[in-house]
Protein backbone atom coordinates (compact mmCIF):
# COMPACT_ATOMS: atom_id res chain seq x y z
CA UNK A 1 0.00 0.00 0.00
CA UNK A 2 2.74 2.59 0.78
CA UNK A 3 4.23 1.95 -2.68
CA UNK A 4 1.05 3.13 -4.44
CA UNK A 5 1.01 6.52 -2.72
CA UNK A 6 4.42 7.71 -4.04
CA UNK A 7 3.43 6.58 -7.54
CA UNK A 8 0.16 8.53 -7.30
CA UNK A 9 2.00 11.65 -6.17
CA UNK A 10 4.40 11.32 -9.08
CA UNK A 11 1.54 11.13 -11.57
CA UNK A 12 -0.31 14.09 -10.03
CA UNK A 13 2.83 16.22 -9.94
CA UNK A 14 3.47 15.87 -13.67
CA UNK A 15 2.66 19.17 -15.38
CA UNK A 16 -0.08 19.10 -17.99
CA UNK A 17 0.75 20.29 -21.47
CA UNK A 18 -1.49 23.21 -22.41
CA UNK A 19 -2.04 25.85 -24.99
CA UNK A 20 -2.40 29.55 -24.34
CA UNK A 21 -5.79 31.15 -24.91
CA UNK A 22 -6.32 32.95 -28.21
CA UNK A 23 -6.23 36.74 -27.69
CA UNK A 24 -9.54 38.59 -27.46
CA UNK A 25 -9.81 40.39 -30.79
CA UNK A 26 -13.55 41.06 -31.16
CA UNK A 27 -16.54 41.61 -28.88
CA UNK A 28 -19.98 42.06 -30.45
CA UNK A 29 -23.61 42.16 -29.40
CA UNK A 30 -25.07 39.87 -32.07
CA UNK A 31 -28.75 39.51 -31.11
CA UNK A 32 -31.48 41.02 -28.95
CA UNK A 33 -34.72 39.19 -28.28
CA UNK A 34 -37.77 39.93 -26.17
CA UNK A 35 -41.33 38.73 -25.75
CA UNK A 36 -42.35 40.90 -28.71
CA UNK A 37 -39.34 40.86 -31.09
CA UNK A 38 -36.15 39.12 -32.14
CA UNK A 39 -33.44 40.79 -34.17
CA UNK A 40 -29.88 40.23 -35.25
CA UNK A 41 -27.54 43.11 -34.51
CA UNK A 42 -25.15 44.13 -37.29
CA UNK A 43 -21.53 45.10 -36.53
CA UNK A 44 -21.47 48.77 -35.59
CA UNK A 45 -25.24 48.95 -34.94
CA UNK A 46 -25.72 51.08 -31.82
CA UNK A 47 -29.48 50.78 -31.24
CA UNK A 48 -32.14 48.15 -31.78
CA UNK A 49 -34.21 48.64 -34.93
CA UNK A 50 -37.34 47.31 -33.27
CA UNK A 51 -39.23 48.14 -30.08
CA UNK A 52 -38.68 45.48 -27.39
CA UNK A 53 -41.06 44.74 -24.52
CA UNK A 54 -41.10 42.11 -21.82
CA UNK A 55 -37.99 40.20 -20.70
CA UNK A 56 -34.98 41.03 -22.90
CA UNK A 57 -32.23 38.57 -23.83
CA UNK A 58 -28.89 39.81 -25.17
CA UNK A 59 -26.40 37.58 -27.03
CA UNK A 60 -22.72 38.61 -26.96
CA UNK A 61 -20.02 36.91 -29.02
CA UNK A 62 -16.32 37.23 -28.25
CA UNK A 63 -13.62 36.10 -30.67
CA UNK A 64 -10.74 34.95 -28.50
CA UNK A 65 -10.84 34.48 -24.75
CA UNK A 66 -11.51 37.21 -22.21
CA UNK A 67 -11.03 37.21 -18.46
CA UNK A 68 -13.00 40.11 -17.02
CA UNK A 69 -16.37 40.46 -18.72
CA UNK A 70 -18.62 43.12 -17.23
CA UNK A 71 -22.15 44.16 -18.15
CA UNK A 72 -23.61 47.59 -17.38
CA UNK A 73 -27.17 48.88 -17.66
CA UNK A 74 -27.24 52.67 -18.08
CA UNK A 75 -23.71 52.76 -16.66
CA UNK A 76 -24.47 50.74 -13.52
CA UNK A 77 -22.77 47.33 -13.13
CA UNK A 78 -25.21 44.43 -13.41
CA UNK A 79 -24.93 40.68 -12.91
CA UNK A 80 -27.95 39.15 -14.66
CA UNK A 81 -28.33 35.40 -15.08
CA UNK A 82 -26.43 34.18 -18.12
CA UNK A 83 -25.40 31.09 -20.04
CA UNK A 84 -22.12 30.63 -21.87
CA UNK A 85 -21.06 28.25 -24.62
CA UNK A 86 -17.73 27.68 -26.26
CA UNK A 87 -17.12 28.56 -29.91
CA UNK A 88 -14.56 26.62 -31.92
CA UNK A 89 -12.83 26.50 -35.27
CA UNK A 90 -11.42 29.20 -37.51
CA UNK A 91 -14.91 30.60 -38.11
CA UNK A 92 -15.58 30.78 -34.32
CA UNK A 93 -18.76 28.76 -34.77
CA UNK A 94 -21.24 27.66 -32.12
CA UNK A 95 -21.71 23.92 -31.95
CA UNK A 96 -18.46 23.23 -33.80
CA UNK A 97 -16.49 22.15 -30.72
CA UNK A 98 -15.24 18.59 -30.66
CA UNK A 99 -13.56 16.91 -27.69
CA UNK A 100 -10.02 18.22 -27.32
CA UNK A 101 -10.48 21.09 -29.79
CA UNK A 102 -9.22 24.54 -28.81
CA UNK A 103 -11.91 27.08 -27.91
CA UNK A 104 -11.60 30.12 -30.20
CA UNK A 105 -14.34 32.24 -28.68
CA UNK A 106 -17.26 32.43 -26.28
CA UNK A 107 -20.94 33.25 -26.74
CA UNK A 108 -22.79 34.53 -23.67
CA UNK A 109 -26.55 34.96 -23.45
CA UNK A 110 -27.70 37.44 -20.78
CA UNK A 111 -31.26 37.26 -19.43
CA UNK A 112 -31.93 40.90 -18.52
CA UNK A 113 -35.61 40.96 -17.63
CA UNK A 114 -37.86 43.84 -18.68
CA UNK A 115 -36.02 47.05 -19.60
CA UNK A 116 -37.44 50.55 -20.12
CA UNK A 117 -37.06 51.98 -23.64
CA UNK A 118 -33.74 53.76 -24.12
CA UNK A 119 -31.76 51.49 -21.79
CA UNK A 120 -28.07 51.48 -22.74
CA UNK A 121 -26.44 48.07 -22.38
CA UNK A 122 -22.64 48.01 -22.35
CA UNK A 123 -20.50 44.87 -22.36
CA UNK A 124 -16.75 45.05 -21.68
CA UNK A 125 -14.11 42.33 -21.59
CA UNK A 126 -10.32 42.16 -21.25
CA UNK A 127 -8.09 39.72 -23.11
CA UNK A 128 -7.02 36.71 -21.03
CA UNK A 129 -3.41 37.04 -22.18
CA UNK A 130 -0.84 39.81 -22.56
CA UNK A 131 -0.82 42.45 -23.78
CA UNK A 132 -4.13 43.04 -22.02
CA UNK A 133 -6.63 44.53 -24.42
CA UNK A 134 -10.03 45.85 -23.33
CA UNK A 135 -12.93 45.71 -25.79
CA UNK A 136 -16.39 47.25 -25.43
CA UNK A 137 -19.72 46.77 -27.21
CA UNK A 138 -22.79 48.91 -26.57
CA UNK A 139 -26.39 49.08 -27.73
CA UNK A 140 -29.48 51.10 -26.84
CA UNK A 141 -32.56 48.93 -26.35
CA UNK A 142 -35.66 50.68 -27.69
C-alpha atoms as a PDB file:
ATOM      1  CA  UNK A   1       0.000   0.000   0.000  1.00  0.00           C
ATOM      2  CA  UNK A   2       2.744   2.586   0.783  1.00  0.00           C
ATOM      3  CA  UNK A   3       4.234   1.950  -2.680  1.00  0.00           C
ATOM      4  CA  UNK A   4       1.053   3.133  -4.442  1.00  0.00           C
ATOM      5  CA  UNK A   5       1.014   6.522  -2.718  1.00  0.00           C
ATOM      6  CA  UNK A   6       4.423   7.706  -4.039  1.00  0.00           C
ATOM      7  CA  UNK A   7       3.429   6.580  -7.537  1.00  0.00           C
ATOM      8  CA  UNK A   8       0.161   8.526  -7.297  1.00  0.00           C
ATOM      9  CA  UNK A   9       1.999  11.653  -6.172  1.00  0.00           C
ATOM     10  CA  UNK A  10       4.402  11.320  -9.076  1.00  0.00           C
ATOM     11  CA  UNK A  11       1.538  11.132 -11.567  1.00  0.00           C
ATOM     12  CA  UNK A  12      -0.307  14.093 -10.033  1.00  0.00           C
ATOM     13  CA  UNK A  13       2.830  16.216  -9.937  1.00  0.00           C
ATOM     14  CA  UNK A  14       3.473  15.867 -13.669  1.00  0.00           C
ATOM     15  CA  UNK A  15       2.663  19.171 -15.376  1.00  0.00           C
ATOM     16  CA  UNK A  16      -0.079  19.105 -17.990  1.00  0.00           C
ATOM     17  CA  UNK A  17       0.747  20.292 -21.470  1.00  0.00           C
ATOM     18  CA  UNK A  18      -1.492  23.208 -22.405  1.00  0.00           C
ATOM     19  CA  UNK A  19      -2.039  25.850 -24.986  1.00  0.00           C
ATOM     20  CA  UNK A  20      -2.403  29.551 -24.339  1.00  0.00           C
ATOM     21  CA  UNK A  21      -5.787  31.146 -24.914  1.00  0.00           C
ATOM     22  CA  UNK A  22      -6.317  32.950 -28.213  1.00  0.00           C
ATOM     23  CA  UNK A  23      -6.233  36.736 -27.693  1.00  0.00           C
ATOM     24  CA  UNK A  24      -9.542  38.586 -27.457  1.00  0.00           C
ATOM     25  CA  UNK A  25      -9.815  40.391 -30.793  1.00  0.00           C
ATOM     26  CA  UNK A  26     -13.545  41.064 -31.160  1.00  0.00           C
ATOM     27  CA  UNK A  27     -16.545  41.606 -28.879  1.00  0.00           C
ATOM     28  CA  UNK A  28     -19.985  42.058 -30.452  1.00  0.00           C
ATOM     29  CA  UNK A  29     -23.608  42.162 -29.401  1.00  0.00           C
ATOM     30  CA  UNK A  30     -25.068  39.872 -32.070  1.00  0.00           C
ATOM     31  CA  UNK A  31     -28.747  39.510 -31.106  1.00  0.00           C
ATOM     32  CA  UNK A  32     -31.484  41.021 -28.947  1.00  0.00           C
ATOM     33  CA  UNK A  33     -34.722  39.187 -28.277  1.00  0.00           C
ATOM     34  CA  UNK A  34     -37.774  39.929 -26.173  1.00  0.00           C
ATOM     35  CA  UNK A  35     -41.334  38.727 -25.754  1.00  0.00           C
ATOM     36  CA  UNK A  36     -42.352  40.897 -28.709  1.00  0.00           C
ATOM     37  CA  UNK A  37     -39.340  40.856 -31.094  1.00  0.00           C
ATOM     38  CA  UNK A  38     -36.153  39.121 -32.145  1.00  0.00           C
ATOM     39  CA  UNK A  39     -33.441  40.787 -34.167  1.00  0.00           C
ATOM     40  CA  UNK A  40     -29.881  40.233 -35.250  1.00  0.00           C
ATOM     41  CA  UNK A  41     -27.542  43.112 -34.512  1.00  0.00           C
ATOM     42  CA  UNK A  42     -25.150  44.131 -37.294  1.00  0.00           C
ATOM     43  CA  UNK A  43     -21.534  45.096 -36.534  1.00  0.00           C
ATOM     44  CA  UNK A  44     -21.473  48.772 -35.595  1.00  0.00           C
ATOM     45  CA  UNK A  45     -25.237  48.952 -34.936  1.00  0.00           C
ATOM     46  CA  UNK A  46     -25.717  51.084 -31.820  1.00  0.00           C
ATOM     47  CA  UNK A  47     -29.485  50.780 -31.244  1.00  0.00           C
ATOM     48  CA  UNK A  48     -32.143  48.147 -31.780  1.00  0.00           C
ATOM     49  CA  UNK A  49     -34.208  48.641 -34.929  1.00  0.00           C
ATOM     50  CA  UNK A  50     -37.345  47.305 -33.266  1.00  0.00           C
ATOM     51  CA  UNK A  51     -39.227  48.144 -30.084  1.00  0.00           C
ATOM     52  CA  UNK A  52     -38.682  45.485 -27.389  1.00  0.00           C
ATOM     53  CA  UNK A  53     -41.056  44.738 -24.521  1.00  0.00           C
ATOM     54  CA  UNK A  54     -41.098  42.110 -21.823  1.00  0.00           C
ATOM     55  CA  UNK A  55     -37.992  40.204 -20.704  1.00  0.00           C
ATOM     56  CA  UNK A  56     -34.976  41.032 -22.897  1.00  0.00           C
ATOM     57  CA  UNK A  57     -32.235  38.572 -23.833  1.00  0.00           C
ATOM     58  CA  UNK A  58     -28.891  39.812 -25.170  1.00  0.00           C
ATOM     59  CA  UNK A  59     -26.404  37.580 -27.027  1.00  0.00           C
ATOM     60  CA  UNK A  60     -22.721  38.614 -26.965  1.00  0.00           C
ATOM     61  CA  UNK A  61     -20.021  36.913 -29.024  1.00  0.00           C
ATOM     62  CA  UNK A  62     -16.323  37.232 -28.254  1.00  0.00           C
ATOM     63  CA  UNK A  63     -13.623  36.104 -30.667  1.00  0.00           C
ATOM     64  CA  UNK A  64     -10.738  34.948 -28.500  1.00  0.00           C
ATOM     65  CA  UNK A  65     -10.842  34.481 -24.747  1.00  0.00           C
ATOM     66  CA  UNK A  66     -11.512  37.211 -22.207  1.00  0.00           C
ATOM     67  CA  UNK A  67     -11.030  37.209 -18.457  1.00  0.00           C
ATOM     68  CA  UNK A  68     -13.003  40.111 -17.019  1.00  0.00           C
ATOM     69  CA  UNK A  69     -16.374  40.464 -18.722  1.00  0.00           C
ATOM     70  CA  UNK A  70     -18.620  43.119 -17.232  1.00  0.00           C
ATOM     71  CA  UNK A  71     -22.154  44.165 -18.153  1.00  0.00           C
ATOM     72  CA  UNK A  72     -23.612  47.590 -17.379  1.00  0.00           C
ATOM     73  CA  UNK A  73     -27.167  48.883 -17.657  1.00  0.00           C
ATOM     74  CA  UNK A  74     -27.239  52.673 -18.084  1.00  0.00           C
ATOM     75  CA  UNK A  75     -23.709  52.762 -16.660  1.00  0.00           C
ATOM     76  CA  UNK A  76     -24.470  50.738 -13.516  1.00  0.00           C
ATOM     77  CA  UNK A  77     -22.766  47.331 -13.125  1.00  0.00           C
ATOM     78  CA  UNK A  78     -25.211  44.434 -13.408  1.00  0.00           C
ATOM     79  CA  UNK A  79     -24.928  40.684 -12.908  1.00  0.00           C
ATOM     80  CA  UNK A  80     -27.949  39.151 -14.660  1.00  0.00           C
ATOM     81  CA  UNK A  81     -28.334  35.395 -15.080  1.00  0.00           C
ATOM     82  CA  UNK A  82     -26.425  34.178 -18.116  1.00  0.00           C
ATOM     83  CA  UNK A  83     -25.400  31.090 -20.040  1.00  0.00           C
ATOM     84  CA  UNK A  84     -22.119  30.629 -21.871  1.00  0.00           C
ATOM     85  CA  UNK A  85     -21.063  28.252 -24.617  1.00  0.00           C
ATOM     86  CA  UNK A  86     -17.729  27.678 -26.265  1.00  0.00           C
ATOM     87  CA  UNK A  87     -17.123  28.559 -29.909  1.00  0.00           C
ATOM     88  CA  UNK A  88     -14.557  26.621 -31.922  1.00  0.00           C
ATOM     89  CA  UNK A  89     -12.832  26.500 -35.272  1.00  0.00           C
ATOM     90  CA  UNK A  90     -11.420  29.196 -37.506  1.00  0.00           C
ATOM     91  CA  UNK A  91     -14.912  30.604 -38.113  1.00  0.00           C
ATOM     92  CA  UNK A  92     -15.577  30.783 -34.316  1.00  0.00           C
ATOM     93  CA  UNK A  93     -18.760  28.757 -34.768  1.00  0.00           C
ATOM     94  CA  UNK A  94     -21.241  27.663 -32.124  1.00  0.00           C
ATOM     95  CA  UNK A  95     -21.708  23.923 -31.948  1.00  0.00           C
ATOM     96  CA  UNK A  96     -18.462  23.233 -33.799  1.00  0.00           C
ATOM     97  CA  UNK A  97     -16.488  22.151 -30.721  1.00  0.00           C
ATOM     98  CA  UNK A  98     -15.243  18.586 -30.661  1.00  0.00           C
ATOM     99  CA  UNK A  99     -13.559  16.908 -27.692  1.00  0.00           C
ATOM    100  CA  UNK A 100     -10.018  18.222 -27.322  1.00  0.00           C
ATOM    101  CA  UNK A 101     -10.482  21.095 -29.787  1.00  0.00           C
ATOM    102  CA  UNK A 102      -9.224  24.543 -28.807  1.00  0.00           C
ATOM    103  CA  UNK A 103     -11.906  27.082 -27.913  1.00  0.00           C
ATOM    104  CA  UNK A 104     -11.599  30.116 -30.202  1.00  0.00           C
ATOM    105  CA  UNK A 105     -14.339  32.242 -28.681  1.00  0.00           C
ATOM    106  CA  UNK A 106     -17.258  32.435 -26.280  1.00  0.00           C
ATOM    107  CA  UNK A 107     -20.938  33.249 -26.737  1.00  0.00           C
ATOM    108  CA  UNK A 108     -22.789  34.527 -23.666  1.00  0.00           C
ATOM    109  CA  UNK A 109     -26.555  34.958 -23.447  1.00  0.00           C
ATOM    110  CA  UNK A 110     -27.695  37.441 -20.784  1.00  0.00           C
ATOM    111  CA  UNK A 111     -31.257  37.258 -19.430  1.00  0.00           C
ATOM    112  CA  UNK A 112     -31.927  40.897 -18.523  1.00  0.00           C
ATOM    113  CA  UNK A 113     -35.609  40.959 -17.634  1.00  0.00           C
ATOM    114  CA  UNK A 114     -37.862  43.838 -18.685  1.00  0.00           C
ATOM    115  CA  UNK A 115     -36.020  47.052 -19.597  1.00  0.00           C
ATOM    116  CA  UNK A 116     -37.444  50.545 -20.120  1.00  0.00           C
ATOM    117  CA  UNK A 117     -37.058  51.979 -23.638  1.00  0.00           C
ATOM    118  CA  UNK A 118     -33.744  53.757 -24.123  1.00  0.00           C
ATOM    119  CA  UNK A 119     -31.760  51.493 -21.787  1.00  0.00           C
ATOM    120  CA  UNK A 120     -28.070  51.478 -22.739  1.00  0.00           C
ATOM    121  CA  UNK A 121     -26.442  48.067 -22.382  1.00  0.00           C
ATOM    122  CA  UNK A 122     -22.635  48.010 -22.348  1.00  0.00           C
ATOM    123  CA  UNK A 123     -20.497  44.869 -22.359  1.00  0.00           C
ATOM    124  CA  UNK A 124     -16.754  45.051 -21.685  1.00  0.00           C
ATOM    125  CA  UNK A 125     -14.105  42.332 -21.589  1.00  0.00           C
ATOM    126  CA  UNK A 126     -10.323  42.159 -21.247  1.00  0.00           C
ATOM    127  CA  UNK A 127      -8.093  39.718 -23.109  1.00  0.00           C
ATOM    128  CA  UNK A 128      -7.015  36.705 -21.033  1.00  0.00           C
ATOM    129  CA  UNK A 129      -3.407  37.044 -22.182  1.00  0.00           C
ATOM    130  CA  UNK A 130      -0.840  39.814 -22.560  1.00  0.00           C
ATOM    131  CA  UNK A 131      -0.819  42.449 -23.782  1.00  0.00           C
ATOM    132  CA  UNK A 132      -4.129  43.036 -22.018  1.00  0.00           C
ATOM    133  CA  UNK A 133      -6.628  44.535 -24.424  1.00  0.00           C
ATOM    134  CA  UNK A 134     -10.027  45.847 -23.326  1.00  0.00           C
ATOM    135  CA  UNK A 135     -12.927  45.712 -25.789  1.00  0.00           C
ATOM    136  CA  UNK A 136     -16.393  47.247 -25.431  1.00  0.00           C
ATOM    137  CA  UNK A 137     -19.724  46.767 -27.213  1.00  0.00           C
ATOM    138  CA  UNK A 138     -22.794  48.914 -26.574  1.00  0.00           C
ATOM    139  CA  UNK A 139     -26.395  49.079 -27.726  1.00  0.00           C
ATOM    140  CA  UNK A 140     -29.484  51.101 -26.835  1.00  0.00           C
ATOM    141  CA  UNK A 141     -32.563  48.926 -26.354  1.00  0.00           C
ATOM    142  CA  UNK A 142     -35.664  50.685 -27.690  1.00  0.00           C
END
